[in-house]
Amino acid sequence: MPSPQKPRPLRPGDAIRVIAPASPMNPDLLRQGIAELERLGYTVHHDARLLARDGFFAGTTADRRRELLNALREPDTRAIIATRGGYGSGYLLDATPEWDAIRTTPPKLFLGYSDVTSLQVFLWRKFGWVSLYGPMVAAGLDHGADAPEGYNAASFAHAISETQRGWAIELQATTLAAGQAEGTLLGGCLTLVEMTLGTPWELDTRGAILVLEDRGMKPWQVDRALTHLRQAGKLAEIRALLFGDFPDCEPPAGTASVKDVVAQVCAPLNVPITWGAPIGHTPKPLLTIPLGVRARLVAENSGRLEILEPACIA
């Protein structure tokens, strides 16, 4: 495991940089998300190019990479939040000497989910940056606090501001394999975690509480992805599994569901497993989960995730 590099917390009045590393977004949702950040007391910085389109990308690869690198180096912003996921973040990771300069850059709060998993895994593997898997500007923040398709206000506040102690998150989930386990929280969107295999930033899952979520996958596609991770050794030394609720993944009539697939593929691992937490893609207010910190998964009843150390440093 890398040595965790933690960012400074967000305080009212701090500046946030909004970037568009993947797909284009709805301008109305963007405005609503920015308004929510301003309601919370933050100053929002963004460029006009946020609304750029280049096919199914939010601008060219060169522009999106430049925006990301500039945001990482920018001295007067404390956090970086993606507009949305979709597709395209992986293009920004191609070899470039500019990435080496980031090694000496103080870490910032980096927030997103879905396709942003690629950036979060990369920053963790290359620099040890702790990041936050949670709401984005036009995918969570736009719908507001504790609202359907919005974000869970309590977990968001703890993740961006706590510097002294950990906290507990009630997962509103189902226990598939009971037990408790401690480990480093890692993972994200299942498809994107799988795509790290064979890359220089392939996720090292040894000793991890592995978080996996996605949307719009057929049960056999989830089976294939989990089997690929298992055969690649990525499930061999994990401590526990925490699954999202996988919306839009309904099976054909009379066939196994994604939940059935997860139970079948993962039961032989003999680790605690929870299913159905509102993480990432979810119609519920989505939780903010710090990646790269120590945690304890309590797989009992509806499940509890105990964050054992703060994601930020004073």
Protein backbone atom coordinates (compact mmCIF):
# COMPACT_ATOMS: atom_id res chain seq x y z
CA MET A 1 0.00 0.00 0.00
CA PRO A 2 1.25 3.53 -0.71
CA SER A 3 1.83 5.84 2.24
CA PRO A 4 -1.43 7.84 2.35
CA GLN A 5 -1.07 11.50 1.42
CA LYS A 6 -4.01 13.39 2.89
CA PRO A 7 -5.39 16.76 1.78
CA ARG A 8 -6.29 19.76 3.89
CA PRO A 9 -9.98 20.00 4.86
CA LEU A 10 -12.53 22.27 3.28
CA ARG A 11 -13.71 25.21 5.35
CA PRO A 12 -16.42 27.76 4.51
CA GLY A 13 -15.00 30.35 2.15
CA ASP A 14 -12.46 27.97 0.58
CA ALA A 15 -12.23 27.77 -3.20
CA ILE A 16 -13.13 24.66 -5.22
CA ARG A 17 -12.08 23.98 -8.80
CA VAL A 18 -14.68 22.21 -10.97
CA ILE A 19 -13.35 20.14 -13.89
CA ALA A 20 -14.90 18.05 -16.68
CA PRO A 21 -12.57 15.06 -17.21
CA ALA A 22 -15.00 12.73 -18.97
CA SER A 23 -18.38 13.25 -20.71
CA PRO A 24 -20.37 16.44 -21.36
CA MET A 25 -23.06 17.41 -18.88
CA ASN A 26 -26.44 19.08 -18.84
CA PRO A 27 -25.83 22.85 -18.30
CA ASP A 28 -28.86 23.13 -16.00
CA LEU A 29 -27.54 20.37 -13.74
CA LEU A 30 -24.13 22.04 -13.71
CA ARG A 31 -25.65 25.33 -12.58
CA GLN A 32 -27.67 23.58 -9.87
CA GLY A 33 -24.59 21.78 -8.54
CA ILE A 34 -22.53 24.97 -8.46
CA ALA A 35 -25.38 26.71 -6.63
CA GLU A 36 -25.37 23.94 -4.01
CA LEU A 37 -21.62 24.34 -3.40
CA GLU A 38 -22.12 28.08 -3.04
CA ARG A 39 -25.00 27.46 -0.64
CA LEU A 40 -22.59 25.43 1.48
CA GLY A 41 -20.30 28.45 1.66
CA TYR A 42 -17.62 27.66 -0.94
CA THR A 43 -16.24 29.74 -3.78
CA VAL A 44 -16.45 27.85 -7.08
CA HIS A 45 -13.88 28.31 -9.86
CA HIS A 46 -14.45 26.92 -13.34
CA ASP A 47 -13.56 27.69 -16.93
CA ALA A 48 -15.94 28.29 -19.80
CA ARG A 49 -14.63 25.11 -21.43
CA LEU A 50 -16.66 23.00 -18.95
CA LEU A 51 -19.46 22.96 -21.51
CA ALA A 52 -17.19 21.95 -24.40
CA ARG A 53 -18.11 18.91 -26.48
CA ASP A 54 -15.95 16.68 -28.63
CA GLY A 55 -18.02 13.67 -29.61
CA PHE A 56 -18.89 11.90 -26.36
CA PHE A 57 -16.13 13.74 -24.45
CA ALA A 58 -16.28 17.09 -22.63
CA GLY A 59 -13.62 18.54 -24.92
CA THR A 60 -10.45 17.20 -26.48
CA THR A 61 -8.09 14.94 -24.56
CA ALA A 62 -5.42 17.66 -24.56
CA ASP A 63 -7.83 20.23 -23.11
CA ARG A 64 -9.19 17.89 -20.47
CA ARG A 65 -5.70 16.77 -19.41
CA ARG A 66 -4.49 20.38 -19.24
CA GLU A 67 -7.50 21.32 -17.13
CA LEU A 68 -6.83 18.45 -14.71
CA LEU A 69 -3.10 19.15 -14.36
CA ASN A 70 -3.71 22.87 -13.89
CA ALA A 71 -6.29 22.10 -11.21
CA LEU A 72 -3.87 19.83 -9.35
CA ARG A 73 -1.17 22.53 -9.37
CA GLU A 74 -3.43 25.51 -8.71
CA PRO A 75 -2.33 27.15 -5.40
CA ASP A 76 -5.52 29.01 -4.48
CA THR A 77 -8.07 26.17 -4.57
CA ARG A 78 -8.46 23.55 -1.86
CA ALA A 79 -10.52 20.89 -3.68
CA ILE A 80 -11.26 19.49 -7.14
CA ILE A 81 -14.73 18.16 -7.97
CA ALA A 82 -15.66 16.56 -11.28
CA THR A 83 -18.80 17.61 -13.10
CA ARG A 84 -19.86 14.05 -13.89
CA GLY A 85 -18.52 10.70 -15.04
CA GLY A 86 -19.54 9.01 -18.27
CA TYR A 87 -16.45 8.12 -20.26
CA GLY A 88 -13.04 9.56 -21.03
CA SER A 89 -11.04 10.00 -17.81
CA GLY A 90 -8.69 7.16 -18.73
CA TYR A 91 -7.37 9.13 -21.70
CA LEU A 92 -5.84 11.65 -19.30
CA LEU A 93 -3.48 9.07 -17.80
CA ASP A 94 -1.35 8.40 -20.87
CA ALA A 95 2.35 8.90 -20.16
CA THR A 96 3.39 12.52 -19.94
CA PRO A 97 6.35 14.15 -18.16
CA GLU A 98 3.91 16.59 -16.60
CA TRP A 99 2.64 13.90 -14.24
CA ASP A 100 6.06 13.62 -12.58
CA ALA A 101 5.83 17.25 -11.43
CA ILE A 102 2.65 16.45 -9.49
CA ARG A 103 4.67 14.30 -7.08
CA THR A 104 5.80 17.43 -5.20
CA THR A 105 2.36 19.06 -5.29
CA PRO A 106 0.44 19.05 -1.97
CA PRO A 107 -2.61 16.79 -2.26
CA LYS A 108 -6.06 18.31 -2.63
CA LEU A 109 -9.48 16.97 -1.89
CA PHE A 110 -10.46 15.12 -5.06
CA LEU A 111 -14.11 14.15 -5.34
CA GLY A 112 -16.03 12.06 -7.85
CA TYR A 113 -17.29 8.60 -8.76
CA SER A 114 -18.10 6.49 -11.83
CA ASP A 115 -15.56 7.14 -14.62
CA VAL A 116 -13.54 9.30 -12.21
CA THR A 117 -12.50 6.00 -10.58
CA SER A 118 -9.69 5.91 -13.17
CA LEU A 119 -8.24 9.17 -11.85
CA GLN A 120 -8.68 8.19 -8.21
CA VAL A 121 -6.91 4.85 -8.64
CA PHE A 122 -4.13 6.55 -10.61
CA LEU A 123 -3.58 9.26 -7.98
CA TRP A 124 -3.55 6.60 -5.24
CA ARG A 125 -1.13 4.24 -6.97
CA LYS A 126 1.23 6.93 -8.29
CA PHE A 127 1.19 9.45 -5.43
CA GLY A 128 -0.69 7.87 -2.52
CA TRP A 129 -3.44 10.50 -2.60
CA VAL A 130 -6.48 9.87 -0.45
CA SER A 131 -9.61 10.82 -2.43
CA LEU A 132 -13.35 10.89 -1.86
CA TYR A 133 -15.80 8.64 -3.69
CA GLY A 134 -18.92 10.74 -3.62
CA PRO A 135 -21.18 13.29 -5.32
CA MET A 136 -20.17 15.31 -8.37
CA VAL A 137 -21.37 18.74 -9.39
CA ALA A 138 -23.89 17.58 -12.00
CA ALA A 139 -24.39 14.10 -10.51
CA GLY A 140 -25.45 14.37 -6.89
CA LEU A 141 -24.80 17.91 -5.74
CA ASP A 142 -27.27 19.16 -8.33
CA HIS A 143 -30.18 17.40 -6.59
CA GLY A 144 -29.28 18.69 -3.13
CA ALA A 145 -28.67 17.33 0.34
CA ASP A 146 -30.49 14.16 1.44
CA ALA A 147 -32.76 14.20 -1.62
CA PRO A 148 -33.38 11.36 -4.10
CA GLU A 149 -30.48 11.33 -6.60
CA GLY A 150 -28.78 13.86 -4.32
CA TYR A 151 -26.11 13.33 -1.69
CA ASN A 152 -25.93 12.26 1.93
CA ALA A 153 -25.11 15.46 3.82
CA ALA A 154 -23.62 13.90 6.97
CA SER A 155 -21.07 11.63 5.24
CA PHE A 156 -20.12 14.46 2.86
CA ALA A 157 -19.50 16.87 5.74
CA HIS A 158 -17.39 14.36 7.70
CA ALA A 159 -15.29 13.41 4.67
CA ILE A 160 -14.40 16.95 3.60
CA SER A 161 -13.83 18.49 7.02
CA GLU A 162 -12.90 15.97 9.73
CA THR A 163 -9.23 16.04 10.80
CA GLN A 164 -9.20 14.61 14.34
CA ARG A 165 -11.13 11.35 14.36
CA GLY A 166 -13.08 8.86 12.32
CA TRP A 167 -16.84 8.45 12.01
CA ALA A 168 -19.45 5.77 11.31
CA ILE A 169 -21.69 5.42 8.26
CA GLU A 170 -24.90 3.42 8.39
CA LEU A 171 -24.96 1.63 5.05
CA GLN A 172 -28.68 0.90 4.61
CA ALA A 173 -27.50 -2.35 3.01
CA THR A 174 -28.05 -6.10 3.21
CA THR A 175 -25.58 -8.54 4.75
CA LEU A 176 -24.59 -11.36 2.39
CA ALA A 177 -21.78 -12.75 4.57
CA ALA A 178 -21.70 -11.73 8.21
CA GLY A 179 -18.59 -10.62 10.05
CA GLN A 180 -16.26 -7.72 10.73
CA ALA A 181 -12.98 -6.82 9.08
CA GLU A 182 -10.52 -3.94 9.02
CA GLY A 183 -8.60 -2.78 5.97
CA THR A 184 -7.87 0.09 3.61
CA LEU A 185 -10.89 1.35 1.68
CA LEU A 186 -10.20 1.05 -2.04
CA GLY A 187 -12.16 0.53 -5.24
CA GLY A 188 -14.94 2.38 -7.01
CA CYS A 189 -16.83 1.65 -10.21
CA LEU A 190 -16.51 -2.07 -11.02
CA THR A 191 -15.91 -1.57 -14.75
CA LEU A 192 -13.16 0.97 -14.10
CA VAL A 193 -11.47 -1.08 -11.38
CA GLU A 194 -11.36 -4.00 -13.82
CA MET A 195 -9.87 -1.73 -16.50
CA THR A 196 -6.81 -1.04 -14.34
CA LEU A 197 -5.67 -4.64 -14.81
CA GLY A 198 -2.46 -4.73 -16.85
CA THR A 199 -1.78 -1.00 -16.48
CA PRO A 200 1.08 0.54 -14.46
CA TRP A 201 -1.55 1.76 -11.97
CA GLU A 202 -3.28 -1.61 -11.55
CA LEU A 203 -5.04 -1.51 -8.19
CA ASP A 204 -3.30 -3.45 -5.42
CA THR A 205 -6.17 -4.86 -3.37
CA ARG A 206 -4.20 -6.77 -0.73
CA GLY A 207 -5.53 -5.89 2.71
CA ALA A 208 -8.38 -3.84 1.25
CA ILE A 209 -12.03 -3.41 2.03
CA LEU A 210 -12.94 -3.41 -1.63
CA VAL A 211 -15.76 -1.07 -2.67
CA LEU A 212 -17.48 -2.04 -5.94
CA GLU A 213 -20.49 -0.43 -7.61
CA ASP A 214 -21.80 0.20 -11.13
CA ARG A 215 -24.98 0.65 -13.13
CA GLY A 216 -26.62 -0.68 -16.29
CA MET A 217 -24.80 -4.03 -16.26
CA LYS A 218 -26.49 -7.33 -16.97
CA PRO A 219 -25.95 -9.94 -14.25
CA TRP A 220 -23.66 -11.99 -16.48
CA GLN A 221 -21.54 -8.91 -17.13
CA VAL A 222 -21.09 -8.44 -13.39
CA ASP A 223 -20.28 -12.17 -13.14
CA ARG A 224 -17.66 -11.79 -15.89
CA ALA A 225 -16.05 -8.74 -14.24
CA LEU A 226 -15.91 -10.35 -10.80
CA THR A 227 -14.55 -13.58 -12.25
CA HIS A 228 -11.89 -11.59 -14.11
CA LEU A 229 -10.87 -9.86 -10.87
CA ARG A 230 -10.81 -13.20 -9.05
CA GLN A 231 -8.71 -14.89 -11.72
CA ALA A 232 -6.35 -11.89 -11.71
CA GLY A 233 -5.80 -12.42 -7.98
CA LYS A 234 -7.54 -9.20 -6.96
CA LEU A 235 -9.97 -10.90 -4.58
CA ALA A 236 -7.46 -13.30 -3.00
CA GLU A 237 -6.20 -11.14 -0.12
CA ILE A 238 -8.99 -8.65 0.44
CA ARG A 239 -10.45 -8.20 3.93
CA ALA A 240 -14.09 -7.48 2.98
CA LEU A 241 -16.41 -6.48 0.13
CA LEU A 242 -18.78 -3.52 0.08
CA PHE A 243 -21.18 -3.45 -2.91
CA GLY A 244 -23.41 -0.64 -4.13
CA ASP A 245 -27.01 -1.19 -5.18
CA PHE A 246 -26.34 -1.59 -8.96
CA PRO A 247 -29.34 0.26 -10.42
CA ASP A 248 -30.66 -0.47 -13.92
CA CYS A 249 -29.31 -4.01 -13.76
CA GLU A 250 -32.56 -5.96 -13.72
CA PRO A 251 -32.20 -9.53 -15.03
CA PRO A 252 -34.39 -11.18 -17.66
CA ALA A 253 -37.35 -12.99 -16.11
CA GLY A 254 -36.42 -16.19 -14.37
CA THR A 255 -32.67 -15.61 -14.34
CA ALA A 256 -30.19 -14.73 -11.58
CA SER A 257 -29.99 -11.14 -10.35
CA VAL A 258 -26.78 -9.18 -9.77
CA LYS A 259 -27.22 -9.80 -6.05
CA ASP A 260 -27.45 -13.56 -6.76
CA VAL A 261 -24.29 -13.37 -8.87
CA VAL A 262 -22.39 -11.51 -6.16
CA ALA A 263 -23.42 -14.07 -3.54
CA GLN A 264 -22.41 -16.99 -5.77
CA VAL A 265 -19.05 -15.63 -6.95
CA CYS A 266 -17.94 -14.06 -3.67
CA ALA A 267 -19.19 -16.53 -1.03
CA PRO A 268 -16.08 -18.78 -1.39
CA LEU A 269 -13.87 -15.82 -0.43
CA ASN A 270 -14.97 -16.17 3.21
CA VAL A 271 -14.91 -12.44 3.92
CA PRO A 272 -17.65 -10.13 5.22
CA ILE A 273 -19.88 -8.89 2.37
CA THR A 274 -22.55 -6.20 2.30
CA TRP A 275 -24.82 -5.52 -0.65
CA GLY A 276 -26.90 -2.54 -1.73
CA ALA A 277 -25.25 0.47 -0.07
CA PRO A 278 -26.03 3.85 -1.72
CA ILE A 279 -22.54 4.38 -3.12
CA GLY A 280 -21.80 5.88 -6.52
CA HIS A 281 -24.62 5.11 -8.96
CA THR A 282 -27.75 5.06 -6.86
CA PRO A 283 -31.20 6.69 -6.85
CA LYS A 284 -30.77 7.33 -3.10
CA PRO A 285 -28.80 10.16 -1.50
CA LEU A 286 -25.30 8.91 -2.22
CA LEU A 287 -22.71 8.44 0.49
CA THR A 288 -19.25 10.00 0.46
CA ILE A 289 -16.61 7.34 1.12
CA PRO A 290 -12.91 8.19 1.61
CA LEU A 291 -10.59 5.96 -0.42
CA GLY A 292 -7.14 5.19 0.97
CA VAL A 293 -7.95 5.30 4.71
CA ARG A 294 -8.32 2.57 7.30
CA ALA A 295 -11.85 1.40 7.99
CA ARG A 296 -13.85 -1.40 9.55
CA LEU A 297 -16.78 -3.03 7.76
CA VAL A 298 -19.39 -4.40 10.12
CA ALA A 299 -21.47 -6.80 8.04
CA GLU A 300 -24.42 -7.27 10.38
CA ASN A 301 -28.07 -6.45 9.70
CA SER A 302 -28.08 -3.33 7.45
CA GLY A 303 -24.31 -2.88 7.75
CA ARG A 304 -22.04 -0.19 9.12
CA LEU A 305 -18.80 1.28 7.83
CA GLU A 306 -16.55 2.67 10.54
CA ILE A 307 -13.99 5.13 9.18
CA LEU A 308 -11.06 4.68 11.57
CA GLU A 309 -9.04 7.75 10.60
CA PRO A 310 -9.88 11.13 9.07
CA ALA A 311 -9.46 11.65 5.33
CA CYS A 312 -7.94 15.11 5.88
CA ILE A 313 -5.08 16.56 7.92
CA ALA A 314 -5.19 19.75 9.92
